Amino acid sequence: MKYLSRHLAAAIIFAASSLSVAPFALAATPSNQLVIGTSLAQVLSLDPQQGTEAKALEILANTYDKLLTSDPTKNNELVPELAERWEADAKGITFHLREANFVSGNPVTANDVVYSLVRLMNMNQAAASNFKRVGYNGDNIGTLARALDEHTFRLDFAQPMAADLLLYRLSMVVASIVDSEQVKKHVENDDYGNTWLRTHTAGSGPFTLNRWTPNDIVILQANPEFWGGEPKMKRVIMRHVPESQAERLMLERGDIDVANAMTAADLAVFDKRDGFVVQRVETGGFYVLSMNASKKELSNPLVREAIAYGIDYKGMEKTILGPYGKARNVPVPESWPGAIANPDWGFNPKKAKALLAEAGYPNGFTLTLKTIAQTPRIDMATAIQASLGEIGIKVNIEQGNGADIIAAHRARNFDLLIPQTSAYIPNAIGSMEQFASNPDNSKEANNAGNFVWRSAWDIPDLTKLTASANSETDMAKRDVIFKQMQEMFVSLKPATLPLFERFEPIVLSSRVHGYHGHPLAAVRLNLVTKTDAD
């Protein structure tokens, strides 16, 4: 397709002009240093109670600890991190902390855990959304989160719920434990230390932040006092490589050890190739077409259904997504237990045009599609532009950096936009909850942390059903509700339309061992090793 070849040509031109000045280009990377080629366009903040973008999460997952984490090598089973063990009862969960220190030398205590969760809810940013959905807020968190003693922490439920639904929330990077003494020293104008923590770290993780230059480089330094043992890598370097062809050539030459921002065509070069290993990480999330339902045309379910029939999912999967995605329009991965069958929203221009005519738009209309300038979303946007053009909807594309596009999404300042999601729990509620809950759709609510709110899609019945799923402690009854949620979602002709089940393809040099992609982008690097270069 033309849009593929045009971007590939641009990448080749960029690569040719930039390779001669690339640092680390003269020799293979040192055996005690991990160099990652990626896109840093979405790294907007390194405050763990604020930063929710994919690459920021990987940085934070290595500079902070949580109470527990999910292990991608054990089918995302929950395993200890700062909490050595925990017990759940009908009213909440009690955690017993290990002996550990922050990088500052301060001991990690239950008071730090309380402070971190209170901080998360009081800052009340997008990072708090998964806890707000199950009843936590700035008013009640100080009562529900308690230090029983220096090494025992208790979190009571805000509403009836199954313990696993809270435990998986606590395994997310947003629930990282910060050094309360350090953060309090840097509070300015009641900002909870956010101004300072956006560009500094105050954790107990295996690495510390040495340097961050936006859209350029991140350098992490090993923490020799890490409770889990000093990391094998003395340094981790994340390099911003926005062009796929350049990243491919750098990996081939040995300038980088890990590549995770290449196009499907460049990824294919490494398939079954000696010297490289390809991982395809199942995120449980989706690439999404968000439609702003506050716009007159997009407020009409018939128009949204027409758009659903006006996209060539299979063609895009084959020519653009490749290892990045699989066509799927229900926000629960098809292979997961309880997933319903896909609706018949295949590319059907005739049906799409009929729906537009029925909605009162026989001659179509014009929309703007905003997207982050990042693989594979640029090519997805061009393909959507082409296919919607066939049904009479003219689409203008507006590319931008992560800060601009994310801000537009959270401010409802868009017609169409392509975001991505992940699943925080490996079940239907973990992948679907963010698509199915919007307690207050009013603009005054300003609930930018809510994925559906950003699209101004008012779904009171689905929101109520989702709340009942979170409150149901009987697993069999909860599974029935999961199915009902999916069926209702499809019937409402969603303004948050899943396009593709999302995978994260990663190519590793065969020198790298112990690097395991994580569904929440929370890859832990302290056990990564490298063999010497030949």
Protein backbone atom coordinates (compact mmCIF):
# COMPACT_ATOMS: atom_id res chain seq x y z
CA MET A 1 0.00 0.00 0.00
CA LYS A 2 1.15 3.53 -0.77
CA TYR A 3 1.08 4.76 2.81
CA LEU A 4 3.46 1.97 3.86
CA SER A 5 6.03 2.62 1.16
CA ARG A 6 6.01 6.36 1.80
CA HIS A 7 6.84 5.96 5.49
CA LEU A 8 9.46 3.32 4.75
CA ALA A 9 11.18 5.68 2.31
CA ALA A 10 11.16 8.44 4.92
CA ALA A 11 12.68 6.08 7.48
CA ILE A 12 15.50 5.12 5.11
CA ILE A 13 16.32 8.76 4.44
CA PHE A 14 16.35 9.52 8.17
CA ALA A 15 18.52 6.53 8.93
CA ALA A 16 21.09 7.45 6.31
CA SER A 17 21.36 10.98 7.65
CA SER A 18 21.51 10.04 11.35
CA LEU A 19 23.59 6.90 11.68
CA SER A 20 26.93 8.65 11.33
CA VAL A 21 26.33 10.70 14.45
CA ALA A 22 24.82 7.96 16.64
CA PRO A 23 26.72 7.38 19.89
CA PHE A 24 27.69 3.81 20.83
CA ALA A 25 27.99 3.08 17.08
CA LEU A 26 31.64 2.04 17.03
CA ALA A 27 31.51 -1.16 19.10
CA ALA A 28 29.20 -3.71 20.63
CA THR A 29 27.61 -2.63 23.89
CA PRO A 30 29.48 -3.55 27.09
CA SER A 31 28.45 -6.79 28.79
CA ASN A 32 27.43 -4.95 31.99
CA GLN A 33 25.32 -2.34 30.20
CA LEU A 34 21.86 -2.79 28.61
CA VAL A 35 20.98 -0.42 25.76
CA ILE A 36 17.36 -0.23 24.64
CA GLY A 37 16.19 1.40 21.42
CA THR A 38 12.66 2.69 21.81
CA SER A 39 10.34 5.69 21.57
CA LEU A 40 10.45 8.05 24.54
CA ALA A 41 7.81 10.35 23.03
CA GLN A 42 5.24 9.47 25.69
CA VAL A 43 7.48 9.83 28.76
CA LEU A 44 5.88 12.92 30.29
CA SER A 45 6.48 12.42 34.03
CA LEU A 46 8.50 10.11 36.28
CA ASP A 47 6.19 10.62 39.25
CA PRO A 48 4.85 7.08 39.87
CA GLN A 49 1.49 8.46 41.01
CA GLN A 50 1.20 10.39 37.75
CA GLY A 51 3.11 8.73 34.92
CA THR A 52 0.96 6.15 33.13
CA GLU A 53 2.52 6.07 29.66
CA ALA A 54 4.07 2.77 28.54
CA LYS A 55 7.77 3.63 28.51
CA ALA A 56 7.47 5.71 31.69
CA LEU A 57 6.10 2.59 33.37
CA GLU A 58 9.22 0.59 32.48
CA ILE A 59 11.43 3.30 33.97
CA LEU A 60 9.32 3.47 37.12
CA ALA A 61 9.11 -0.32 37.47
CA ASN A 62 12.89 -0.36 37.86
CA THR A 63 13.31 2.63 40.15
CA TYR A 64 10.45 1.80 42.55
CA ASP A 65 8.92 -1.22 44.27
CA LYS A 66 5.28 -2.06 44.88
CA LEU A 67 3.79 -4.29 47.54
CA LEU A 68 3.52 -7.07 44.97
CA THR A 69 3.81 -7.57 41.24
CA SER A 70 2.55 -9.83 38.47
CA ASP A 71 5.11 -12.21 36.99
CA PRO A 72 4.93 -12.63 33.17
CA THR A 73 6.96 -15.86 33.43
CA LYS A 74 4.28 -17.38 35.70
CA ASN A 75 1.15 -16.55 33.69
CA ASN A 76 0.97 -13.13 35.41
CA GLU A 77 0.66 -14.73 38.85
CA LEU A 78 0.94 -12.30 41.78
CA VAL A 79 4.30 -12.55 43.56
CA PRO A 80 5.87 -10.60 46.46
CA GLU A 81 7.84 -7.42 46.06
CA LEU A 82 8.01 -5.23 49.20
CA ALA A 83 5.36 -7.38 50.88
CA GLU A 84 6.75 -10.81 51.76
CA ARG A 85 3.23 -12.15 52.32
CA TRP A 86 -0.39 -11.04 52.75
CA GLU A 87 -3.70 -12.32 54.08
CA ALA A 88 -7.16 -11.35 52.83
CA ASP A 89 -10.39 -11.48 54.79
CA ALA A 90 -13.95 -10.27 54.21
CA LYS A 91 -13.07 -6.64 55.02
CA GLY A 92 -9.63 -6.12 53.50
CA ILE A 93 -6.01 -7.27 53.12
CA THR A 94 -3.08 -7.21 55.56
CA PHE A 95 0.48 -7.02 54.18
CA HIS A 96 3.73 -7.91 55.96
CA LEU A 97 6.70 -5.93 54.66
CA ARG A 98 10.25 -7.16 54.16
CA GLU A 99 13.32 -5.33 55.46
CA ALA A 100 14.27 -2.87 52.72
CA ASN A 101 15.72 0.60 52.31
CA PHE A 102 15.06 3.42 49.91
CA VAL A 103 17.99 4.72 47.86
CA SER A 104 18.27 7.58 50.37
CA GLY A 105 19.04 5.03 53.11
CA ASN A 106 15.68 5.55 54.81
CA PRO A 107 13.96 2.29 55.77
CA VAL A 108 10.78 1.29 53.94
CA THR A 109 7.93 1.30 56.46
CA ALA A 110 4.18 0.80 56.49
CA ASN A 111 3.87 4.58 56.90
CA ASP A 112 5.50 5.00 53.49
CA VAL A 113 2.90 2.66 52.02
CA VAL A 114 0.08 4.67 53.57
CA TYR A 115 1.63 7.93 52.38
CA SER A 116 2.00 6.63 48.82
CA LEU A 117 -1.62 5.47 48.49
CA VAL A 118 -2.98 8.61 50.16
CA ARG A 119 -0.81 10.66 47.80
CA LEU A 120 -2.14 8.71 44.79
CA MET A 121 -5.77 9.37 45.68
CA ASN A 122 -5.29 12.98 46.79
CA MET A 123 -3.41 13.93 43.64
CA ASN A 124 -6.45 12.47 41.86
CA GLN A 125 -4.88 12.16 38.43
CA ALA A 126 -5.35 9.54 35.71
CA ALA A 127 -3.16 7.14 37.71
CA ALA A 128 -5.86 6.91 40.41
CA SER A 129 -8.67 5.85 38.07
CA ASN A 130 -8.49 2.08 38.71
CA PHE A 131 -8.78 2.64 42.46
CA LYS A 132 -11.60 5.18 42.10
CA ARG A 133 -13.64 2.60 40.20
CA VAL A 134 -13.78 0.41 43.31
CA GLY A 135 -14.70 3.16 45.75
CA TYR A 136 -11.41 4.70 46.90
CA ASN A 137 -11.04 8.47 46.94
CA GLY A 138 -9.17 11.26 48.67
CA ASP A 139 -11.77 11.44 51.43
CA ASN A 140 -11.72 7.79 52.54
CA ILE A 141 -8.21 6.54 51.73
CA GLY A 142 -6.72 7.98 54.95
CA THR A 143 -9.11 5.83 56.98
CA LEU A 144 -8.98 2.68 54.85
CA ALA A 145 -5.15 2.56 54.55
CA ARG A 146 -3.43 2.03 57.91
CA ALA A 147 -0.01 1.20 59.35
CA LEU A 148 -0.57 -1.43 62.05
CA ASP A 149 3.11 -1.29 62.96
CA GLU A 150 6.37 -0.45 61.20
CA HIS A 151 6.22 -3.51 58.94
CA THR A 152 2.49 -4.28 58.77
CA PHE A 153 0.11 -2.47 56.45
CA ARG A 154 -3.65 -2.87 56.22
CA LEU A 155 -5.93 -1.78 53.38
CA ASP A 156 -9.66 -2.20 53.94
CA PHE A 157 -12.06 -2.53 51.03
CA ALA A 158 -13.96 0.61 50.08
CA GLN A 159 -16.84 -1.60 48.92
CA PRO A 160 -17.55 -5.34 48.82
CA MET A 161 -15.16 -6.95 46.33
CA ALA A 162 -13.05 -10.00 45.61
CA ALA A 163 -9.53 -9.67 47.00
CA ASP A 164 -7.87 -10.44 43.66
CA LEU A 165 -9.43 -7.33 42.10
CA LEU A 166 -7.66 -5.19 44.70
CA LEU A 167 -4.40 -7.14 44.72
CA TYR A 168 -3.93 -6.70 40.98
CA ARG A 169 -4.57 -2.98 41.32
CA LEU A 170 -1.86 -2.82 43.97
CA SER A 171 0.53 -4.59 41.57
CA MET A 172 0.30 -1.69 39.12
CA VAL A 173 3.15 0.80 38.84
CA VAL A 174 0.87 3.62 40.02
CA ALA A 175 0.82 1.90 43.44
CA SER A 176 4.62 2.22 43.79
CA ILE A 177 5.92 3.07 47.25
CA VAL A 178 7.73 6.40 47.51
CA ASP A 179 10.16 7.57 50.18
CA SER A 180 7.79 9.79 52.17
CA GLU A 181 10.58 11.62 54.02
CA GLN A 182 12.32 12.55 50.77
CA VAL A 183 9.14 13.57 48.95
CA LYS A 184 7.90 15.74 51.84
CA LYS A 185 11.13 17.74 51.66
CA HIS A 186 10.24 18.81 48.13
CA VAL A 187 6.58 19.77 48.50
CA GLU A 188 5.80 23.13 46.87
CA ASN A 189 2.41 24.83 47.13
CA ASP A 190 0.68 21.63 48.31
CA ASP A 191 1.75 19.73 45.16
CA TYR A 192 2.62 16.53 47.09
CA GLY A 193 6.17 16.90 45.79
CA ASN A 194 4.98 16.40 42.20
CA THR A 195 7.09 19.16 40.66
CA TRP A 196 10.26 17.55 42.03
CA LEU A 197 9.22 13.93 41.54
CA ARG A 198 8.38 14.44 37.86
CA THR A 199 12.12 14.52 37.13
CA HIS A 200 13.62 12.72 40.15
CA THR A 201 13.13 9.32 41.79
CA ALA A 202 12.63 8.42 45.46
CA GLY A 203 12.21 4.67 45.43
CA SER A 204 13.70 1.42 46.66
CA GLY A 205 13.99 -0.30 43.28
CA PRO A 206 16.98 -1.97 41.63
CA PHE A 207 18.00 1.17 39.71
CA THR A 208 18.19 4.91 40.26
CA LEU A 209 17.64 7.68 37.74
CA ASN A 210 20.96 9.05 36.51
CA ARG A 211 19.67 11.17 33.63
CA TRP A 212 16.54 11.90 31.63
CA THR A 213 16.55 14.17 28.62
CA PRO A 214 13.04 14.18 27.08
CA ASN A 215 12.81 12.66 23.61
CA ASP A 216 16.50 11.77 23.77
CA ILE A 217 17.82 9.46 26.48
CA VAL A 218 17.19 7.88 29.88
CA ILE A 219 20.07 6.47 31.94
CA LEU A 220 19.43 4.25 34.95
CA GLN A 221 22.22 3.37 37.38
CA ALA A 222 22.32 0.13 39.40
CA ASN A 223 21.37 0.42 43.06
CA PRO A 224 24.09 -1.55 44.92
CA GLU A 225 21.95 -1.66 48.09
CA PHE A 226 18.85 -3.11 46.44
CA TRP A 227 17.14 -5.60 48.77
CA GLY A 228 17.00 -8.21 45.99
CA GLY A 229 20.75 -8.05 45.33
CA GLU A 230 22.79 -5.72 43.16
CA PRO A 231 21.61 -5.83 39.51
CA LYS A 232 23.87 -7.52 36.98
CA MET A 233 23.64 -4.51 34.66
CA LYS A 234 25.56 -1.54 36.04
CA ARG A 235 23.67 0.76 33.72
CA VAL A 236 20.52 0.72 31.58
CA ILE A 237 20.31 3.19 28.71
CA MET A 238 17.07 3.89 26.87
CA ARG A 239 17.65 5.71 23.60
CA HIS A 240 14.94 7.58 21.70
CA VAL A 241 14.97 6.13 18.18
CA PRO A 242 11.75 7.30 16.50
CA GLU A 243 12.50 5.84 13.05
CA SER A 244 12.12 2.09 12.62
CA GLN A 245 14.75 1.63 9.92
CA ALA A 246 17.37 3.37 12.06
CA GLU A 247 16.49 1.18 15.03
CA ARG A 248 16.75 -1.98 12.94
CA LEU A 249 20.20 -1.06 11.67
CA MET A 250 21.39 -0.18 15.16
CA LEU A 251 20.28 -3.56 16.47
CA GLU A 252 21.96 -5.37 13.59
CA ARG A 253 25.23 -3.53 14.22
CA GLY A 254 25.12 -4.17 17.97
CA ASP A 255 24.64 -0.52 18.94
CA ILE A 256 21.56 -1.51 20.96
CA ASP A 257 20.58 -4.74 22.71
CA VAL A 258 16.80 -4.43 22.71
CA ALA A 259 14.46 -2.88 20.11
CA ASN A 260 10.77 -2.28 20.74
CA ALA A 261 9.59 0.43 18.36
CA MET A 262 9.99 -1.05 14.88
CA THR A 263 7.46 -1.47 12.08
CA ALA A 264 6.12 -4.89 11.17
CA ALA A 265 8.32 -4.92 8.06
CA ASP A 266 11.51 -4.29 10.05
CA LEU A 267 10.50 -6.78 12.73
CA ALA A 268 10.11 -9.45 10.08
CA VAL A 269 13.83 -9.15 9.28
CA PHE A 270 14.64 -10.77 12.64
CA ASP A 271 12.13 -13.63 12.50
CA LYS A 272 14.07 -16.90 13.06
CA ARG A 273 17.33 -15.07 12.44
CA ASP A 274 20.48 -16.24 14.19
CA GLY A 275 21.71 -13.88 16.86
CA PHE A 276 18.29 -12.46 17.75
CA VAL A 277 15.22 -13.44 19.77
CA VAL A 278 11.72 -12.09 19.11
CA GLN A 279 9.15 -11.83 21.91
CA ARG A 280 5.48 -11.05 21.25
CA VAL A 281 4.03 -9.86 24.54
CA GLU A 282 0.29 -10.26 25.04
CA THR A 283 -0.81 -7.04 26.76
CA GLY A 284 -4.50 -7.86 27.12
CA GLY A 285 -5.06 -4.34 25.78
CA PHE A 286 -6.11 -2.77 22.52
CA TYR A 287 -5.44 -0.18 19.88
CA VAL A 288 -8.58 1.93 19.96
CA LEU A 289 -10.40 4.43 17.79
CA SER A 290 -11.77 6.96 20.28
CA MET A 291 -14.67 9.02 18.95
CA ASN A 292 -15.68 12.22 20.69
CA ALA A 293 -19.39 11.72 21.35
CA SER A 294 -19.78 15.40 22.23
CA LYS A 295 -19.45 16.09 18.50
CA LYS A 296 -22.85 16.20 16.79
CA GLU A 297 -22.14 13.53 14.19
CA LEU A 298 -20.37 11.16 16.58
CA SER A 299 -23.08 11.41 19.22
CA ASN A 300 -25.29 9.36 16.87
CA PRO A 301 -24.94 5.57 17.41
CA LEU A 302 -25.75 5.02 13.72
CA VAL A 303 -22.72 7.08 12.72
CA ARG A 304 -20.49 5.21 15.16
CA GLU A 305 -21.78 1.92 13.75
CA ALA A 306 -21.12 3.16 10.22
CA ILE A 307 -17.52 3.91 11.20
CA ALA A 308 -17.25 0.42 12.72
CA TYR A 309 -18.29 -1.04 9.34
CA GLY A 310 -16.08 1.43 7.48
CA ILE A 311 -12.66 0.18 8.63
CA ASP A 312 -10.68 -2.54 6.89
CA TYR A 313 -9.49 -4.37 10.00
CA LYS A 314 -8.22 -7.50 8.25
CA GLY A 315 -6.36 -5.50 5.62
CA MET A 316 -4.70 -3.37 8.30
CA GLU A 317 -3.84 -6.44 10.36
CA LYS A 318 -2.10 -8.01 7.39
CA THR A 319 -0.26 -5.00 6.00
CA ILE A 320 0.38 -2.79 9.05
CA LEU A 321 -0.16 -4.44 12.42
CA GLY A 322 1.45 -7.81 11.79
CA PRO A 323 2.97 -8.82 15.15
CA TYR A 324 1.51 -5.71 16.82
CA GLY A 325 -2.13 -6.66 16.66
CA LYS A 326 -5.05 -8.91 15.85
CA ALA A 327 -8.41 -7.59 14.61
CA ARG A 328 -10.85 -7.56 17.53
CA ASN A 329 -13.78 -5.20 18.33
CA VAL A 330 -14.70 -6.42 21.82
CA PRO A 331 -12.36 -5.20 24.60
CA VAL A 332 -11.63 -8.69 25.93
CA PRO A 333 -8.96 -10.77 24.14
CA GLU A 334 -10.59 -13.50 22.09
CA SER A 335 -8.56 -16.28 23.73
CA TRP A 336 -9.45 -15.25 27.30
CA PRO A 337 -12.09 -17.16 29.30
CA GLY A 338 -15.57 -15.70 28.89
CA ALA A 339 -14.79 -13.67 25.76
CA ILE A 340 -17.77 -13.36 23.41
CA ALA A 341 -17.58 -13.68 19.63
CA ASN A 342 -16.67 -10.64 17.59
CA PRO A 343 -19.54 -8.64 16.04
CA ASP A 344 -19.78 -8.58 12.23
CA TRP A 345 -18.02 -5.21 11.92
CA GLY A 346 -15.88 -6.24 8.98
CA PHE A 347 -15.21 -3.77 6.18
CA ASN A 348 -18.60 -3.25 4.51
CA PRO A 349 -18.75 0.10 2.67
CA LYS A 350 -22.28 -0.52 1.35
CA LYS A 351 -23.71 -1.08 4.82
CA ALA A 352 -21.68 1.80 6.26
CA LYS A 353 -23.04 4.23 3.63
CA ALA A 354 -26.61 3.07 4.33
CA LEU A 355 -26.13 3.71 8.04
CA LEU A 356 -24.76 7.20 7.36
CA ALA A 357 -27.77 7.95 5.14
CA GLU A 358 -30.14 6.69 7.84
CA ALA A 359 -28.38 8.95 10.33
CA GLY A 360 -28.96 11.95 8.03
CA TYR A 361 -25.51 12.19 6.44
CA PRO A 362 -25.85 10.75 2.91
CA ASN A 363 -23.02 13.00 1.72
CA GLY A 364 -20.77 12.30 4.68
CA PHE A 365 -18.82 14.93 6.64
CA THR A 366 -15.26 15.82 7.67
CA LEU A 367 -13.38 14.79 10.83
CA THR A 368 -9.84 15.22 12.16
CA LEU A 369 -7.95 12.18 13.44
CA LYS A 370 -5.21 12.84 15.99
CA THR A 371 -2.42 10.35 16.64
CA ILE A 372 0.95 10.13 18.30
CA ALA A 373 3.70 9.96 15.68
CA GLN A 374 4.73 6.46 16.65
CA THR A 375 4.76 2.94 15.19
CA PRO A 376 2.26 1.51 14.27
CA ARG A 377 -0.26 4.28 14.87
CA ILE A 378 0.88 6.57 12.05
CA ASP A 379 0.19 3.93 9.42
CA MET A 380 -3.05 2.94 11.17
CA ALA A 381 -4.26 6.53 10.90
CA THR A 382 -3.47 6.66 7.18
CA ALA A 383 -5.30 3.39 6.56
CA ILE A 384 -8.35 4.57 8.53
CA GLN A 385 -8.31 7.79 6.52
CA ALA A 386 -8.36 5.78 3.29
CA SER A 387 -11.13 3.34 4.27
CA LEU A 388 -13.42 5.95 5.82
CA GLY A 389 -12.94 8.01 2.68
CA GLU A 390 -14.61 5.18 0.78
CA ILE A 391 -17.82 5.61 2.78
CA GLY A 392 -17.91 9.41 2.44
CA ILE A 393 -16.18 10.53 5.64
CA LYS A 394 -13.22 12.78 4.89
CA VAL A 395 -10.52 12.43 7.53
CA ASN A 396 -7.69 14.89 8.09
CA ILE A 397 -4.74 13.51 10.06
CA GLU A 398 -2.97 15.50 12.75
CA GLN A 399 0.23 13.96 14.14
CA GLY A 400 1.82 15.12 17.36
CA ASN A 401 4.12 14.18 20.20
CA GLY A 402 2.94 12.28 23.23
CA ALA A 403 2.37 15.37 25.38
CA ASP A 404 0.20 17.09 22.78
CA ILE A 405 -1.96 14.11 21.81
CA ILE A 406 -2.45 12.81 25.36
CA ALA A 407 -3.40 16.31 26.52
CA ALA A 408 -5.93 16.62 23.68
CA HIS A 409 -7.41 13.24 24.60
CA ARG A 410 -7.79 14.15 28.27
CA ALA A 411 -9.31 17.52 27.39
CA ARG A 412 -11.85 16.06 24.93
CA ASN A 413 -10.16 18.20 22.28
CA PHE A 414 -10.45 15.84 19.30
CA ASP A 415 -12.85 14.27 16.82
CA LEU A 416 -11.09 10.93 16.39
CA LEU A 417 -7.97 9.74 18.22
CA ILE A 418 -5.94 6.50 18.41
CA PRO A 419 -4.95 5.60 21.99
CA GLN A 420 -3.88 2.23 23.35
CA THR A 421 -4.80 0.27 26.48
CA SER A 422 -3.44 -2.57 28.63
CA ALA A 423 -5.10 -5.04 31.00
CA TYR A 424 -4.15 -4.68 34.66
CA ILE A 425 -5.74 -8.04 35.55
CA PRO A 426 -5.50 -11.13 33.29
CA ASN A 427 -9.27 -11.54 33.08
CA ALA A 428 -12.26 -9.86 31.41
CA ILE A 429 -12.67 -7.10 34.00
CA GLY A 430 -8.97 -6.19 33.77
CA SER A 431 -9.16 -5.59 30.03
CA MET A 432 -12.72 -4.24 29.76
CA GLU A 433 -13.34 -2.16 32.86
CA GLN A 434 -11.82 1.00 31.41
CA PHE A 435 -14.13 0.69 28.36
CA ALA A 436 -17.26 0.16 30.41
CA SER A 437 -17.35 2.66 33.27
CA ASN A 438 -18.07 6.40 33.25
CA PRO A 439 -19.82 7.41 36.52
CA ASP A 440 -20.14 11.12 35.67
CA ASN A 441 -20.00 12.18 32.02
CA SER A 442 -20.45 15.88 32.70
CA LYS A 443 -17.70 18.18 31.48
CA GLU A 444 -17.61 19.69 34.97
CA ALA A 445 -16.56 16.30 36.40
CA ASN A 446 -13.24 16.77 34.55
CA ASN A 447 -12.51 13.09 35.05
CA ALA A 448 -9.64 12.95 32.55
CA GLY A 449 -8.35 9.76 34.15
CA ASN A 450 -11.44 7.92 32.93
CA PHE A 451 -10.94 6.44 29.46
CA VAL A 452 -14.62 6.62 28.48
CA TRP A 453 -15.11 10.14 29.90
CA ARG A 454 -12.47 11.39 27.48
CA SER A 455 -14.79 10.38 24.63
CA ALA A 456 -17.83 12.00 26.33
CA TRP A 457 -19.68 8.70 25.96
CA ASP A 458 -22.49 8.51 28.53
CA ILE A 459 -23.14 4.86 29.50
CA PRO A 460 -25.05 4.78 32.82
CA ASP A 461 -26.42 1.23 32.43
CA LEU A 462 -23.05 -0.24 31.44
CA THR A 463 -21.36 1.68 34.24
CA LYS A 464 -23.81 0.22 36.74
CA LEU A 465 -23.24 -3.29 35.40
CA THR A 466 -19.45 -2.84 35.63
CA ALA A 467 -19.77 -1.69 39.24
CA SER A 468 -21.75 -4.82 40.04
CA ALA A 469 -18.95 -6.96 38.54
CA ASN A 470 -16.38 -5.30 40.79
CA SER A 471 -18.58 -5.86 43.84
CA GLU A 472 -19.41 -9.50 43.10
CA THR A 473 -17.33 -11.90 45.18
CA ASP A 474 -18.84 -15.08 43.68
CA MET A 475 -16.60 -15.98 40.71
CA ALA A 476 -19.33 -17.83 38.79
CA LYS A 477 -21.75 -14.92 39.09
CA ARG A 478 -18.99 -12.50 38.13
CA ASP A 479 -18.33 -14.45 34.92
CA VAL A 480 -21.99 -14.08 33.95
CA ILE A 481 -21.74 -10.32 34.44
CA PHE A 482 -18.57 -10.20 32.32
CA LYS A 483 -20.49 -11.68 29.39
CA GLN A 484 -23.37 -9.24 29.89
CA MET A 485 -20.91 -6.33 29.92
CA GLN A 486 -19.46 -7.36 26.56
CA GLU A 487 -22.87 -7.84 24.96
CA MET A 488 -24.11 -4.46 26.20
CA PHE A 489 -20.90 -2.76 25.04
CA VAL A 490 -21.43 -4.01 21.48
CA SER A 491 -25.14 -3.11 21.47
CA LEU A 492 -24.37 0.51 22.42
CA LYS A 493 -22.18 1.07 19.31
CA PRO A 494 -19.14 2.19 21.30
CA ALA A 495 -17.46 5.56 21.07
CA THR A 496 -14.32 3.79 22.32
CA LEU A 497 -14.04 1.26 19.50
CA PRO A 498 -11.42 -1.49 19.91
CA LEU A 499 -9.64 -2.02 16.60
CA PHE A 500 -6.97 -4.59 17.40
CA GLU A 501 -5.95 -6.71 20.33
CA ARG A 502 -2.55 -5.22 21.13
CA PHE A 503 0.75 -7.07 21.35
CA GLU A 504 4.20 -5.65 22.06
CA PRO A 505 6.84 -7.19 19.79
CA ILE A 506 10.36 -6.93 21.17
CA VAL A 507 13.59 -8.01 19.46
CA LEU A 508 16.53 -8.93 21.67
CA SER A 509 20.13 -9.59 20.85
CA SER A 510 20.89 -13.21 21.74
CA ARG A 511 23.50 -11.78 24.12
CA VAL A 512 20.63 -10.71 26.41
CA HIS A 513 19.22 -13.18 28.94
CA GLY A 514 16.43 -12.80 31.49
CA TYR A 515 14.54 -9.99 29.73
CA HIS A 516 10.82 -10.83 29.88
CA GLY A 517 8.30 -8.49 28.31
CA HIS A 518 5.50 -7.51 30.68
CA PRO A 519 1.83 -6.96 29.72
CA LEU A 520 1.77 -3.67 31.66
CA ALA A 521 5.13 -2.51 30.24
CA ALA A 522 6.54 -3.02 33.75
CA VAL A 523 9.61 -5.02 32.66
CA ARG A 524 11.92 -5.63 35.61
CA LEU A 525 15.59 -5.52 34.62
CA ASN A 526 17.50 -6.43 37.78
CA LEU A 527 18.02 -10.08 36.74
CA VAL A 528 18.97 -9.35 33.13
CA THR A 529 22.42 -10.58 32.12
CA LYS A 530 24.49 -10.38 28.94
CA THR A 531 27.13 -12.60 27.45
CA ASP A 532 30.32 -11.06 26.11
CA ALA A 533 30.42 -9.97 22.48
CA ASP A 534 32.16 -12.29 20.04
